[in-house]
Amino acid sequence: VGLFAQFPTLLKPVKGVETAVRGLHTQGKGLCVASSGGHEKINRSLATVGLLHYFEGRIFSGQDVERSKPAPDLFLHAAAACGAVPARCLVVEDSPTGVTGAKAAGMTVIGYAGQVPADELVAVGADVVIHTMADLVDTAAGLAPAV
């Protein structure tokens, strides 16, 4: 049995992520996904956890660019495709390579310390770090002048 076939039983959403994404969506924030993963993996993952409808048409993969994270290319590609100015983009990242790429693209970064220690995300440039997705909407609002 392939990994994708096991997603419904193996893959669980990060606690609070649906509420956070819904909150940002309700506020009219433009949302997209810029992931190093392939399109099939991203789409299946989002569908499995019930988030795909928030991002349809705004899903970008490392497959879309010559250089993926930590290069800024994926973030710049996503911003351009969404008609966004990089300096006004807010990125939520859970990895040092992602934080590095987003900062190199000139974007504001919220580090999510779900599996990586907060100090590692700060060390590579995260502007602020959250430990729970329940903090995302308020943290993003606090960074609003920068984005």
Foldseek 3Di string as FASTA:
>chain_A
DDPLVCCLPPAEDAPPQVVLLVVCVVVVHQDAAQEQDDPVVVQSNCVSHVNNVSHPPQYHYVVVDPGHFLALVSVVVSCVSVVHQLQQDEEEEADLRVLNNSVNSNHAYEYEPAPPDPVSSVVNPHPYYDPGSVCVVVVCVVCNVRD
